[in-house]
PDB file of all heavy atoms in Angstrom:
ATOM      1  N   VAL A   1     -21.697   6.218  -8.792  1.00  0.00           N
ATOM      2  CA  VAL A   1     -20.729   5.151  -8.596  1.00  0.00           C
ATOM      3  C   VAL A   1     -21.294   4.062  -7.699  1.00  0.00           C
ATOM      4  O   VAL A   1     -21.936   4.342  -6.681  1.00  0.00           O
ATOM      5  CB  VAL A   1     -19.435   5.724  -7.968  1.00  0.00           C
ATOM      6  CG1 VAL A   1     -18.425   4.610  -7.702  1.00  0.00           C
ATOM      7  CG2 VAL A   1     -18.822   6.775  -8.879  1.00  0.00           C
ATOM      8  N   ILE A   2     -21.053   2.807  -8.069  1.00  0.00           N
ATOM      9  CA  ILE A   2     -21.400   1.655  -7.265  1.00  0.00           C
ATOM     10  C   ILE A   2     -20.111   0.995  -6.785  1.00  0.00           C
ATOM     11  O   ILE A   2     -19.226   0.718  -7.582  1.00  0.00           O
ATOM     12  CB  ILE A   2     -22.246   0.653  -8.071  1.00  0.00           C
ATOM     13  CG1 ILE A   2     -23.558   1.294  -8.515  1.00  0.00           C
ATOM     14  CG2 ILE A   2     -22.522  -0.616  -7.245  1.00  0.00           C
ATOM     15  CD1 ILE A   2     -24.437   0.391  -9.361  1.00  0.00           C
ATOM     16  N   GLY A   3     -20.014   0.775  -5.481  1.00  0.00           N
ATOM     17  CA  GLY A   3     -18.825   0.162  -4.912  1.00  0.00           C
ATOM     18  C   GLY A   3     -18.917  -1.354  -4.939  1.00  0.00           C
ATOM     19  O   GLY A   3     -20.013  -1.936  -4.888  1.00  0.00           O
ATOM     20  N   GLY A   4     -17.783  -1.999  -5.017  1.00  0.00           N
ATOM     21  CA  GLY A   4     -17.707  -3.458  -4.991  1.00  0.00           C
ATOM     22  C   GLY A   4     -16.579  -3.915  -4.084  1.00  0.00           C
ATOM     23  O   GLY A   4     -15.486  -3.363  -4.158  1.00  0.00           O
ATOM     24  N   VAL A   5     -16.837  -4.884  -3.225  1.00  0.00           N
ATOM     25  CA  VAL A   5     -15.823  -5.423  -2.318  1.00  0.00           C
ATOM     26  C   VAL A   5     -15.836  -6.943  -2.427  1.00  0.00           C
ATOM     27  O   VAL A   5     -16.788  -7.589  -2.011  1.00  0.00           O
ATOM     28  CB  VAL A   5     -16.082  -4.997  -0.864  1.00  0.00           C
ATOM     29  CG1 VAL A   5     -14.941  -5.487   0.035  1.00  0.00           C
ATOM     30  CG2 VAL A   5     -16.202  -3.476  -0.753  1.00  0.00           C
ATOM     31  N   PHE A   6     -14.769  -7.488  -3.015  1.00  0.00           N
ATOM     32  CA  PHE A   6     -14.677  -8.942  -3.228  1.00  0.00           C
ATOM     33  C   PHE A   6     -13.338  -9.426  -2.674  1.00  0.00           C
ATOM     34  O   PHE A   6     -12.392  -8.650  -2.527  1.00  0.00           O
ATOM     35  CB  PHE A   6     -14.778  -9.278  -4.712  1.00  0.00           C
ATOM     36  CG  PHE A   6     -16.066  -8.814  -5.351  1.00  0.00           C
ATOM     37  CD1 PHE A   6     -16.104  -7.584  -6.024  1.00  0.00           C
ATOM     38  CD2 PHE A   6     -17.194  -9.583  -5.288  1.00  0.00           C
ATOM     39  CE1 PHE A   6     -17.288  -7.137  -6.606  1.00  0.00           C
ATOM     40  CE2 PHE A   6     -18.379  -9.139  -5.875  1.00  0.00           C
ATOM     41  CZ  PHE A   6     -18.416  -7.933  -6.530  1.00  0.00           C
ATOM     42  N   SER A   7     -13.246 -10.721  -2.412  1.00  0.00           N
ATOM     43  CA  SER A   7     -12.009 -11.299  -1.910  1.00  0.00           C
ATOM     44  C   SER A   7     -11.237 -11.917  -3.075  1.00  0.00           C
ATOM     45  O   SER A   7     -11.534 -13.034  -3.530  1.00  0.00           O
ATOM     46  CB  SER A   7     -12.309 -12.388  -0.860  1.00  0.00           C
ATOM     47  OG  SER A   7     -12.911 -11.826   0.289  1.00  0.00           O
ATOM     48  N   PHE A   8     -10.253 -11.170  -3.570  1.00  0.00           N
ATOM     49  CA  PHE A   8      -9.392 -11.700  -4.630  1.00  0.00           C
ATOM     50  C   PHE A   8      -8.252 -12.540  -4.024  1.00  0.00           C
ATOM     51  O   PHE A   8      -7.642 -13.357  -4.702  1.00  0.00           O
ATOM     52  CB  PHE A   8      -8.776 -10.560  -5.451  1.00  0.00           C
ATOM     53  CG  PHE A   8      -9.792  -9.729  -6.159  1.00  0.00           C
ATOM     54  CD1 PHE A   8      -9.519  -8.408  -6.471  1.00  0.00           C
ATOM     55  CD2 PHE A   8     -11.020 -10.251  -6.522  1.00  0.00           C
ATOM     56  CE1 PHE A   8     -10.449  -7.621  -7.138  1.00  0.00           C
ATOM     57  CE2 PHE A   8     -11.972  -9.464  -7.168  1.00  0.00           C
ATOM     58  CZ  PHE A   8     -11.687  -8.158  -7.488  1.00  0.00           C
ATOM     59  N   HIS A   9      -7.930 -12.280  -2.746  1.00  0.00           N
ATOM     60  CA  HIS A   9      -6.909 -13.026  -2.028  1.00  0.00           C
ATOM     61  C   HIS A   9      -7.472 -13.447  -0.675  1.00  0.00           C
ATOM     62  O   HIS A   9      -8.439 -12.865  -0.182  1.00  0.00           O
ATOM     63  CB  HIS A   9      -5.652 -12.173  -1.788  1.00  0.00           C
ATOM     64  CG  HIS A   9      -4.982 -11.713  -3.043  1.00  0.00           C
ATOM     65  ND1 HIS A   9      -5.384 -10.602  -3.732  1.00  0.00           N
ATOM     66  CD2 HIS A   9      -3.900 -12.218  -3.706  1.00  0.00           C
ATOM     67  CE1 HIS A   9      -4.588 -10.414  -4.791  1.00  0.00           C
ATOM     68  NE2 HIS A   9      -3.702 -11.377  -4.795  1.00  0.00           N
ATOM     69  N   TYR A  10      -6.827 -14.424  -0.052  1.00  0.00           N
ATOM     70  CA  TYR A  10      -7.217 -14.857   1.272  1.00  0.00           C
ATOM     71  C   TYR A  10      -6.143 -14.569   2.316  1.00  0.00           C
ATOM     72  O   TYR A  10      -6.320 -14.917   3.483  1.00  0.00           O
ATOM     73  CB  TYR A  10      -7.520 -16.361   1.288  1.00  0.00           C
ATOM     74  CG  TYR A  10      -8.972 -16.680   1.086  1.00  0.00           C
ATOM     75  CD1 TYR A  10      -9.367 -17.712   0.234  1.00  0.00           C
ATOM     76  CD2 TYR A  10      -9.964 -15.970   1.725  1.00  0.00           C
ATOM     77  CE1 TYR A  10     -10.698 -18.021   0.029  1.00  0.00           C
ATOM     78  CE2 TYR A  10     -11.315 -16.251   1.527  1.00  0.00           C
ATOM     79  CZ  TYR A  10     -11.663 -17.288   0.688  1.00  0.00           C
ATOM     80  OH  TYR A  10     -12.992 -17.563   0.495  1.00  0.00           O
ATOM     81  N   TYR A  11      -5.041 -13.948   1.921  1.00  0.00           N
ATOM     82  CA  TYR A  11      -3.967 -13.718   2.860  1.00  0.00           C
ATOM     83  C   TYR A  11      -3.466 -12.276   2.734  1.00  0.00           C
ATOM     84  O   TYR A  11      -3.659 -11.614   1.723  1.00  0.00           O
ATOM     85  CB  TYR A  11      -2.798 -14.686   2.604  1.00  0.00           C
ATOM     86  CG  TYR A  11      -3.181 -16.138   2.681  1.00  0.00           C
ATOM     87  CD1 TYR A  11      -3.429 -16.871   1.534  1.00  0.00           C
ATOM     88  CD2 TYR A  11      -3.329 -16.768   3.904  1.00  0.00           C
ATOM     89  CE1 TYR A  11      -3.802 -18.197   1.586  1.00  0.00           C
ATOM     90  CE2 TYR A  11      -3.705 -18.095   3.992  1.00  0.00           C
ATOM     91  CZ  TYR A  11      -3.936 -18.805   2.821  1.00  0.00           C
ATOM     92  OH  TYR A  11      -4.315 -20.112   2.887  1.00  0.00           O
ATOM     93  N   MET A  12      -2.812 -11.820   3.816  1.00  0.00           N
ATOM     94  CA  MET A  12      -2.196 -10.484   3.829  1.00  0.00           C
ATOM     95  C   MET A  12      -0.764 -10.614   4.312  1.00  0.00           C
ATOM     96  O   MET A  12      -0.424 -11.548   5.040  1.00  0.00           O
ATOM     97  CB  MET A  12      -2.972  -9.560   4.771  1.00  0.00           C
ATOM     98  CG  MET A  12      -4.364  -9.222   4.308  1.00  0.00           C
ATOM     99  SD  MET A  12      -5.165  -8.139   5.502  1.00  0.00           S
ATOM    100  CE  MET A  12      -3.940  -6.844   5.606  1.00  0.00           C
ATOM    101  N   HIS A  13       0.046  -9.642   3.886  1.00  0.00           N
ATOM    102  CA  HIS A  13       1.428  -9.590   4.387  1.00  0.00           C
ATOM    103  C   HIS A  13       1.405  -9.257   5.875  1.00  0.00           C
ATOM    104  O   HIS A  13       0.724  -8.345   6.317  1.00  0.00           O
ATOM    105  CB  HIS A  13       2.233  -8.522   3.628  1.00  0.00           C
ATOM    106  CG  HIS A  13       2.531  -8.892   2.216  1.00  0.00           C
ATOM    107  ND1 HIS A  13       3.391  -9.918   1.882  1.00  0.00           N
ATOM    108  CD2 HIS A  13       2.095  -8.374   1.047  1.00  0.00           C
ATOM    109  CE1 HIS A  13       3.457 -10.025   0.564  1.00  0.00           C
ATOM    110  NE2 HIS A  13       2.672  -9.094   0.042  1.00  0.00           N
ATOM    111  N   THR A  14       2.163 -10.045   6.655  1.00  0.00           N
ATOM    112  CA  THR A  14       2.273  -9.785   8.098  1.00  0.00           C
ATOM    113  C   THR A  14       3.291  -8.669   8.310  1.00  0.00           C
ATOM    114  O   THR A  14       4.442  -8.750   7.873  1.00  0.00           O
ATOM    115  CB  THR A  14       2.709 -11.051   8.834  1.00  0.00           C
ATOM    116  OG1 THR A  14       1.762 -12.092   8.592  1.00  0.00           O
ATOM    117  CG2 THR A  14       2.791 -10.778  10.325  1.00  0.00           C
ATOM    118  N   VAL A  15       2.868  -7.636   9.005  1.00  0.00           N
ATOM    119  CA  VAL A  15       3.734  -6.475   9.269  1.00  0.00           C
ATOM    120  C   VAL A  15       3.877  -6.304  10.766  1.00  0.00           C
ATOM    121  O   VAL A  15       2.895  -6.270  11.505  1.00  0.00           O
ATOM    122  CB  VAL A  15       3.143  -5.196   8.618  1.00  0.00           C
ATOM    123  CG1 VAL A  15       4.051  -4.007   8.912  1.00  0.00           C
ATOM    124  CG2 VAL A  15       2.967  -5.387   7.126  1.00  0.00           C
ATOM    125  N   LYS A  16       5.111  -6.165  11.216  1.00  0.00           N
ATOM    126  CA  LYS A  16       5.387  -5.886  12.618  1.00  0.00           C
ATOM    127  C   LYS A  16       5.687  -4.404  12.763  1.00  0.00           C
ATOM    128  O   LYS A  16       6.662  -3.897  12.220  1.00  0.00           O
ATOM    129  CB  LYS A  16       6.585  -6.703  13.114  1.00  0.00           C
ATOM    130  CG  LYS A  16       6.308  -8.196  13.177  1.00  0.00           C
ATOM    131  CD  LYS A  16       7.504  -8.970  13.744  1.00  0.00           C
ATOM    132  CE  LYS A  16       7.198 -10.450  13.843  1.00  0.00           C
ATOM    133  NZ  LYS A  16       8.349 -11.203  14.416  1.00  0.00           N
ATOM    134  N   HIS A  17       4.816  -3.692  13.467  1.00  0.00           N
ATOM    135  CA  HIS A  17       4.966  -2.249  13.625  1.00  0.00           C
ATOM    136  C   HIS A  17       5.933  -1.931  14.768  1.00  0.00           C
ATOM    137  O   HIS A  17       5.855  -2.545  15.848  1.00  0.00           O
ATOM    138  CB  HIS A  17       3.606  -1.598  13.881  1.00  0.00           C
ATOM    139  CG  HIS A  17       2.612  -1.841  12.802  1.00  0.00           C
ATOM    140  ND1 HIS A  17       2.816  -1.450  11.499  1.00  0.00           N
ATOM    141  CD2 HIS A  17       1.380  -2.430  12.822  1.00  0.00           C
ATOM    142  CE1 HIS A  17       1.776  -1.787  10.751  1.00  0.00           C
ATOM    143  NE2 HIS A  17       0.885  -2.394  11.545  1.00  0.00           N
ATOM    144  N   ASN A  18       6.803  -0.957  14.530  1.00  0.00           N
ATOM    145  CA  ASN A  18       7.703  -0.514  15.593  1.00  0.00           C
ATOM    146  C   ASN A  18       7.203   0.761  16.276  1.00  0.00           C
ATOM    147  O   ASN A  18       7.816   1.248  17.232  1.00  0.00           O
ATOM    148  CB  ASN A  18       9.118  -0.280  15.051  1.00  0.00           C
ATOM    149  CG  ASN A  18       9.102   0.695  13.864  1.00  0.00           C
ATOM    150  OD1 ASN A  18       8.141   1.436  13.644  1.00  0.00           O
ATOM    151  ND2 ASN A  18      10.202   0.646  13.094  1.00  0.00           N
ATOM    152  N   TYR A  19       6.097   1.322  15.773  1.00  0.00           N
ATOM    153  CA  TYR A  19       5.449   2.480  16.374  1.00  0.00           C
ATOM    154  C   TYR A  19       6.366   3.724  16.401  1.00  0.00           C
ATOM    155  O   TYR A  19       6.184   4.629  17.212  1.00  0.00           O
ATOM    156  CB  TYR A  19       4.973   2.176  17.797  1.00  0.00           C
ATOM    157  CG  TYR A  19       4.011   1.018  17.832  1.00  0.00           C
ATOM    158  CD1 TYR A  19       4.438  -0.242  18.247  1.00  0.00           C
ATOM    159  CD2 TYR A  19       2.689   1.158  17.402  1.00  0.00           C
ATOM    160  CE1 TYR A  19       3.579  -1.322  18.260  1.00  0.00           C
ATOM    161  CE2 TYR A  19       1.827   0.076  17.400  1.00  0.00           C
ATOM    162  CZ  TYR A  19       2.270  -1.170  17.835  1.00  0.00           C
ATOM    163  OH  TYR A  19       1.421  -2.219  17.848  1.00  0.00           O
ATOM    164  N   THR A  20       7.342   3.744  15.516  1.00  0.00           N
ATOM    165  CA  THR A  20       8.192   4.919  15.382  1.00  0.00           C
ATOM    166  C   THR A  20       8.038   5.567  14.024  1.00  0.00           C
ATOM    167  O   THR A  20       8.467   6.707  13.832  1.00  0.00           O
ATOM    168  CB  THR A  20       9.675   4.549  15.585  1.00  0.00           C
ATOM    169  OG1 THR A  20      10.072   3.570  14.613  1.00  0.00           O
ATOM    170  CG2 THR A  20       9.892   3.997  16.987  1.00  0.00           C
ATOM    171  N   THR A  21       7.436   4.883  13.086  1.00  0.00           N
ATOM    172  CA  THR A  21       7.191   5.417  11.750  1.00  0.00           C
ATOM    173  C   THR A  21       5.761   5.105  11.358  1.00  0.00           C
ATOM    174  O   THR A  21       5.086   4.249  11.958  1.00  0.00           O
ATOM    175  CB  THR A  21       8.147   4.811  10.713  1.00  0.00           C
ATOM    176  OG1 THR A  21       7.977   3.384  10.676  1.00  0.00           O
ATOM    177  CG2 THR A  21       9.597   5.150  11.040  1.00  0.00           C
ATOM    178  N   MET A  22       5.289   5.785  10.309  1.00  0.00           N
ATOM    179  CA  MET A  22       3.942   5.549   9.809  1.00  0.00           C
ATOM    180  C   MET A  22       3.832   4.129   9.238  1.00  0.00           C
ATOM    181  O   MET A  22       4.659   3.731   8.434  1.00  0.00           O
ATOM    182  CB  MET A  22       3.602   6.563   8.728  1.00  0.00           C
ATOM    183  CG  MET A  22       2.188   6.428   8.179  1.00  0.00           C
ATOM    184  SD  MET A  22       0.921   6.932   9.386  1.00  0.00           S
ATOM    185  CE  MET A  22       1.235   8.696   9.457  1.00  0.00           C
ATOM    186  N   PRO A  23       2.851   3.322   9.689  1.00  0.00           N
ATOM    187  CA  PRO A  23       2.715   1.968   9.171  1.00  0.00           C
ATOM    188  C   PRO A  23       2.451   1.956   7.678  1.00  0.00           C
ATOM    189  O   PRO A  23       1.799   2.845   7.127  1.00  0.00           O
ATOM    190  CB  PRO A  23       1.501   1.413   9.934  1.00  0.00           C
ATOM    191  CG  PRO A  23       1.360   2.286  11.133  1.00  0.00           C
ATOM    192  CD  PRO A  23       1.837   3.631  10.730  1.00  0.00           C
ATOM    193  N   GLU A  24       2.991   0.954   6.992  1.00  0.00           N
ATOM    194  CA  GLU A  24       2.753   0.805   5.572  1.00  0.00           C
ATOM    195  C   GLU A  24       1.318   0.352   5.339  1.00  0.00           C
ATOM    196  O   GLU A  24       0.712  -0.316   6.186  1.00  0.00           O
ATOM    197  CB  GLU A  24       3.714  -0.233   4.986  1.00  0.00           C
ATOM    198  CG  GLU A  24       5.180   0.202   4.989  1.00  0.00           C
ATOM    199  CD  GLU A  24       5.403   1.371   4.055  1.00  0.00           C
ATOM    200  OE1 GLU A  24       4.732   1.441   3.009  1.00  0.00           O
ATOM    201  OE2 GLU A  24       6.265   2.211   4.380  1.00  0.00           O
ATOM    202  N   PRO A  25       0.721   0.731   4.188  1.00  0.00           N
ATOM    203  CA  PRO A  25      -0.641   0.254   3.888  1.00  0.00           C
ATOM    204  C   PRO A  25      -0.702  -1.254   3.831  1.00  0.00           C
ATOM    205  O   PRO A  25       0.257  -1.924   3.429  1.00  0.00           O
ATOM    206  CB  PRO A  25      -0.901   0.874   2.507  1.00  0.00           C
ATOM    207  CG  PRO A  25       0.034   2.030   2.401  1.00  0.00           C
ATOM    208  CD  PRO A  25       1.251   1.627   3.162  1.00  0.00           C
ATOM    209  N   LEU A  26      -1.840  -1.809   4.260  1.00  0.00           N
ATOM    210  CA  LEU A  26      -2.018  -3.255   4.226  1.00  0.00           C
ATOM    211  C   LEU A  26      -2.040  -3.744   2.788  1.00  0.00           C
ATOM    212  O   LEU A  26      -2.659  -3.147   1.928  1.00  0.00           O
ATOM    213  CB  LEU A  26      -3.327  -3.644   4.917  1.00  0.00           C
ATOM    214  CG  LEU A  26      -3.434  -3.252   6.397  1.00  0.00           C
ATOM    215  CD1 LEU A  26      -4.836  -3.548   6.927  1.00  0.00           C
ATOM    216  CD2 LEU A  26      -2.397  -3.977   7.232  1.00  0.00           C
ATOM    217  N   SER A  27      -1.349  -4.841   2.525  1.00  0.00           N
ATOM    218  CA  SER A  27      -1.277  -5.392   1.175  1.00  0.00           C
ATOM    219  C   SER A  27      -1.611  -6.867   1.182  1.00  0.00           C
ATOM    220  O   SER A  27      -1.368  -7.581   2.158  1.00  0.00           O
ATOM    221  CB  SER A  27       0.117  -5.177   0.565  1.00  0.00           C
ATOM    222  OG  SER A  27       1.124  -5.777   1.362  1.00  0.00           O
ATOM    223  N   CYS A  28      -2.169  -7.337   0.072  1.00  0.00           N
ATOM    224  CA  CYS A  28      -2.596  -8.742  -0.037  1.00  0.00           C
ATOM    225  C   CYS A  28      -1.433  -9.608  -0.448  1.00  0.00           C
ATOM    226  O   CYS A  28      -0.431  -9.149  -0.999  1.00  0.00           O
ATOM    227  CB  CYS A  28      -3.734  -8.861  -1.031  1.00  0.00           C
ATOM    228  SG  CYS A  28      -5.148  -7.794  -0.698  1.00  0.00           S
ATOM    229  N   ALA A  29      -1.584 -10.896  -0.210  1.00  0.00           N
ATOM    230  CA  ALA A  29      -0.545 -11.876  -0.571  1.00  0.00           C
ATOM    231  C   ALA A  29      -1.217 -13.146  -1.099  1.00  0.00           C
ATOM    232  O   ALA A  29      -2.414 -13.360  -0.916  1.00  0.00           O
ATOM    233  CB  ALA A  29       0.347 -12.204   0.620  1.00  0.00           C
TER     234      ALA A  29
END
């Protein structure tokens, strides 16, 4: 397997963590 890492987006969803639950996975926007 060959890995590839490219920028399909330039932005991410801003998430405010409350540190009481597991953070959601980072997602692109």
